[in-house]
Amino acid sequence: MMSKDLIAEAQKRAREWLAILGIGLEGEARSVGLLADAERLVLARDYAGAGARLRAVALSGPDALLTDFAWYRLGKFYDENLHLRARASEAFEQCRPDRLPTGLAKEVLHDLARCLLEQGASERALAAVSVFMTAAPDDRRRPAVLLLKGRCHERLGQRDEAARTYREARTLDPDGPVGS
């Protein structure tokens, strides 16, 4: 049995996401219900149910924006809750970042690159990093993304390019992991 507090928290999260997506609450009761149900299962640590629900929303979302958001949430779910990087990257790759708000789109690309790199798919990770860098040249996460890019180059045996990328990251964030 779900506590009322848990249900209320899941509904609150779903409404916050719809606001971020720019989807109005009027006429979107189904969308709120779909998101709230998936979040309720995540909060209850019913990971099998949550994964199945998020996948169902992603495969049959009521509109393209909500479908892409569901793929994003499914990727985050696999990454953060189950640490299944291959499944996370598969979900992130289903998402169309160009249809999401800029902040979420950048997060999808960053998380996709990180998950791919952790799987050893350095070339694909480098491609995701390149899209991120083009889409968000002034993003606050640029030093962290440069660190990912440097790791990609390093794993591909491109030592000079890795060193150049690490220097750029250090210049942008002298107190960060590369600057220390």
Protein backbone atom coordinates (compact mmCIF):
# COMPACT_ATOMS: atom_id res chain seq x y z
CA MET A 1 0.00 0.00 0.00
CA MET A 2 1.34 3.39 -0.99
CA SER A 3 1.40 6.15 1.56
CA LYS A 4 -0.43 9.36 0.71
CA ASP A 5 2.85 11.25 1.10
CA LEU A 6 4.54 9.06 -1.50
CA ILE A 7 1.69 9.51 -3.95
CA ALA A 8 1.66 13.27 -3.36
CA GLU A 9 5.44 13.49 -3.92
CA ALA A 10 5.16 11.51 -7.18
CA GLN A 11 2.36 13.77 -8.42
CA LYS A 12 4.37 16.85 -7.46
CA ARG A 13 7.39 15.60 -9.43
CA ALA A 14 5.22 14.83 -12.45
CA ARG A 15 3.73 18.34 -12.39
CA GLU A 16 7.20 19.90 -12.09
CA TRP A 17 8.37 17.95 -15.14
CA LEU A 18 5.33 18.98 -17.16
CA ALA A 19 6.08 22.60 -16.24
CA ILE A 20 9.70 22.16 -17.39
CA LEU A 21 8.45 20.64 -20.62
CA GLY A 22 5.97 23.49 -21.09
CA ILE A 23 2.99 21.15 -21.11
CA GLY A 24 -0.07 22.63 -19.43
CA LEU A 25 -1.91 20.71 -16.75
CA GLU A 26 -5.30 21.35 -18.36
CA GLY A 27 -6.18 18.48 -20.61
CA GLU A 28 -3.01 16.63 -19.61
CA ALA A 29 -4.44 14.58 -16.76
CA ARG A 30 -3.38 11.39 -18.54
CA SER A 31 0.19 12.66 -18.86
CA VAL A 32 0.32 13.64 -15.20
CA GLY A 33 -1.05 10.23 -14.28
CA LEU A 34 1.48 8.38 -16.43
CA LEU A 35 4.44 10.30 -15.02
CA ALA A 36 3.16 10.17 -11.44
CA ASP A 37 2.61 6.41 -11.62
CA ALA A 38 6.14 5.79 -12.90
CA GLU A 39 7.62 8.09 -10.26
CA ARG A 40 5.55 6.51 -7.51
CA LEU A 41 7.05 3.15 -8.41
CA VAL A 42 10.58 4.59 -8.44
CA LEU A 43 10.03 6.21 -5.04
CA ALA A 44 8.65 2.92 -3.69
CA ARG A 45 11.76 1.15 -5.03
CA ASP A 46 9.59 -1.10 -7.19
CA TYR A 47 12.21 -1.03 -9.91
CA ALA A 48 10.70 -3.76 -12.06
CA GLY A 49 7.35 -1.97 -12.10
CA ALA A 50 8.93 1.45 -12.59
CA GLY A 51 11.07 0.30 -15.51
CA ALA A 52 8.10 -1.38 -17.18
CA ARG A 53 5.93 1.70 -16.69
CA LEU A 54 8.53 4.13 -18.01
CA ARG A 55 9.13 1.89 -21.03
CA ALA A 56 5.37 1.74 -21.67
CA VAL A 57 5.13 5.54 -21.51
CA ALA A 58 8.14 5.90 -23.83
CA LEU A 59 6.70 3.49 -26.38
CA SER A 60 3.20 4.93 -26.37
CA GLY A 61 3.48 8.45 -25.01
CA PRO A 62 0.62 10.77 -25.92
CA ASP A 63 2.90 13.16 -27.82
CA ALA A 64 6.47 13.37 -29.11
CA LEU A 65 7.71 15.63 -26.31
CA LEU A 66 6.35 13.37 -23.59
CA THR A 67 7.70 10.29 -25.39
CA ASP A 68 11.20 11.79 -25.54
CA PHE A 69 10.95 12.83 -21.91
CA ALA A 70 9.93 9.27 -20.96
CA TRP A 71 13.01 7.90 -22.79
CA TYR A 72 15.13 10.41 -20.86
CA ARG A 73 13.58 9.37 -17.53
CA LEU A 74 14.01 5.69 -18.42
CA GLY A 75 17.70 6.32 -19.15
CA LYS A 76 18.12 8.15 -15.84
CA PHE A 77 16.27 5.32 -14.08
CA TYR A 78 18.58 2.64 -15.50
CA ASP A 79 21.67 4.77 -14.83
CA GLU A 80 20.94 6.04 -11.31
CA ASN A 81 18.85 3.26 -9.79
CA LEU A 82 20.12 0.09 -11.43
CA HIS A 83 23.55 1.19 -12.74
CA LEU A 84 22.80 -0.48 -16.07
CA ARG A 85 24.81 1.76 -18.40
CA ALA A 86 24.05 -0.19 -21.59
CA ARG A 87 20.31 0.03 -21.00
CA ALA A 88 20.63 3.67 -19.98
CA SER A 89 22.49 4.58 -23.17
CA GLU A 90 19.92 2.66 -25.26
CA ALA A 91 17.15 4.74 -23.69
CA PHE A 92 19.08 8.01 -24.07
CA GLU A 93 19.70 7.18 -27.75
CA GLN A 94 15.95 6.76 -28.31
CA CYS A 95 15.40 10.27 -27.03
CA ARG A 96 15.42 13.16 -29.51
CA PRO A 97 17.19 15.96 -27.59
CA ASP A 98 16.17 18.54 -30.22
CA ARG A 99 12.56 18.15 -29.07
CA LEU A 100 13.37 18.68 -25.38
CA PRO A 101 13.96 21.96 -23.55
CA THR A 102 17.61 22.99 -23.83
CA GLY A 103 18.59 22.08 -20.25
CA LEU A 104 17.20 18.55 -20.55
CA ALA A 105 18.66 18.11 -24.03
CA LYS A 106 22.13 18.92 -22.73
CA GLU A 107 21.65 16.53 -19.82
CA VAL A 108 20.64 13.72 -22.21
CA LEU A 109 23.76 14.26 -24.33
CA HIS A 110 26.06 14.46 -21.29
CA ASP A 111 24.59 11.34 -19.69
CA LEU A 112 24.66 9.47 -23.00
CA ALA A 113 28.35 10.28 -23.51
CA ARG A 114 29.21 9.26 -19.93
CA CYS A 115 27.32 5.95 -20.16
CA LEU A 116 28.84 5.11 -23.56
CA LEU A 117 32.34 5.89 -22.30
CA GLU A 118 31.81 3.66 -19.25
CA GLN A 119 30.83 0.84 -21.63
CA GLY A 120 33.97 1.34 -23.69
CA ALA A 121 32.15 2.82 -26.70
CA SER A 122 34.62 5.72 -26.94
CA GLU A 123 33.89 6.72 -30.54
CA ARG A 124 30.14 6.91 -29.93
CA ALA A 125 30.77 8.78 -26.67
CA LEU A 126 33.00 11.26 -28.51
CA ALA A 127 30.22 11.83 -31.05
CA ALA A 128 27.73 12.61 -28.25
CA VAL A 129 30.26 14.97 -26.62
CA SER A 130 30.72 16.76 -29.96
CA VAL A 131 26.97 17.28 -30.31
CA PHE A 132 26.85 18.62 -26.74
CA MET A 133 29.77 21.01 -27.37
CA THR A 134 28.13 22.32 -30.53
CA ALA A 135 24.70 22.69 -28.94
CA ALA A 136 25.95 24.25 -25.70
CA PRO A 137 29.32 25.95 -26.16
CA ASP A 138 28.90 28.10 -23.03
CA ASP A 139 27.30 25.55 -20.72
CA ARG A 140 28.44 25.54 -17.09
CA ARG A 141 29.22 21.82 -17.43
CA ARG A 142 31.72 22.45 -20.22
CA PRO A 143 34.76 21.54 -18.04
CA ALA A 144 33.15 18.20 -17.09
CA VAL A 145 32.24 17.55 -20.73
CA LEU A 146 35.80 18.39 -21.76
CA LEU A 147 37.00 15.87 -19.19
CA LEU A 148 34.75 13.25 -20.84
CA LYS A 149 36.09 14.29 -24.24
CA GLY A 150 39.67 13.94 -23.02
CA ARG A 151 38.94 10.47 -21.65
CA CYS A 152 37.43 9.50 -25.03
CA HIS A 153 40.54 10.67 -26.87
CA GLU A 154 42.75 8.88 -24.36
CA ARG A 155 40.91 5.59 -24.80
CA LEU A 156 41.14 5.98 -28.56
CA GLY A 157 44.92 6.38 -28.25
CA GLN A 158 44.84 10.05 -29.25
CA ARG A 159 47.17 11.26 -26.51
CA ASP A 160 47.96 14.72 -27.96
CA GLU A 161 44.28 15.55 -28.44
CA ALA A 162 43.51 14.25 -24.93
CA ALA A 163 46.25 16.46 -23.43
CA ARG A 164 44.98 19.51 -25.33
CA THR A 165 41.42 18.84 -24.13
CA TYR A 166 42.54 18.38 -20.51
CA ARG A 167 44.45 21.71 -20.71
CA GLU A 168 41.32 23.45 -21.95
CA ALA A 169 39.30 21.93 -19.08
CA ARG A 170 41.95 23.05 -16.58
CA THR A 171 41.87 26.59 -17.99
CA LEU A 172 38.09 26.76 -17.58
CA ASP A 173 38.05 25.16 -14.11
CA PRO A 174 41.46 25.37 -12.38
CA ASP A 175 39.96 23.96 -9.16
CA GLY A 176 38.24 21.06 -10.91
CA PRO A 177 39.41 17.46 -11.25
CA VAL A 178 41.88 18.27 -14.03
CA GLY A 179 43.16 21.46 -12.41
CA SER A 180 44.18 19.84 -9.13
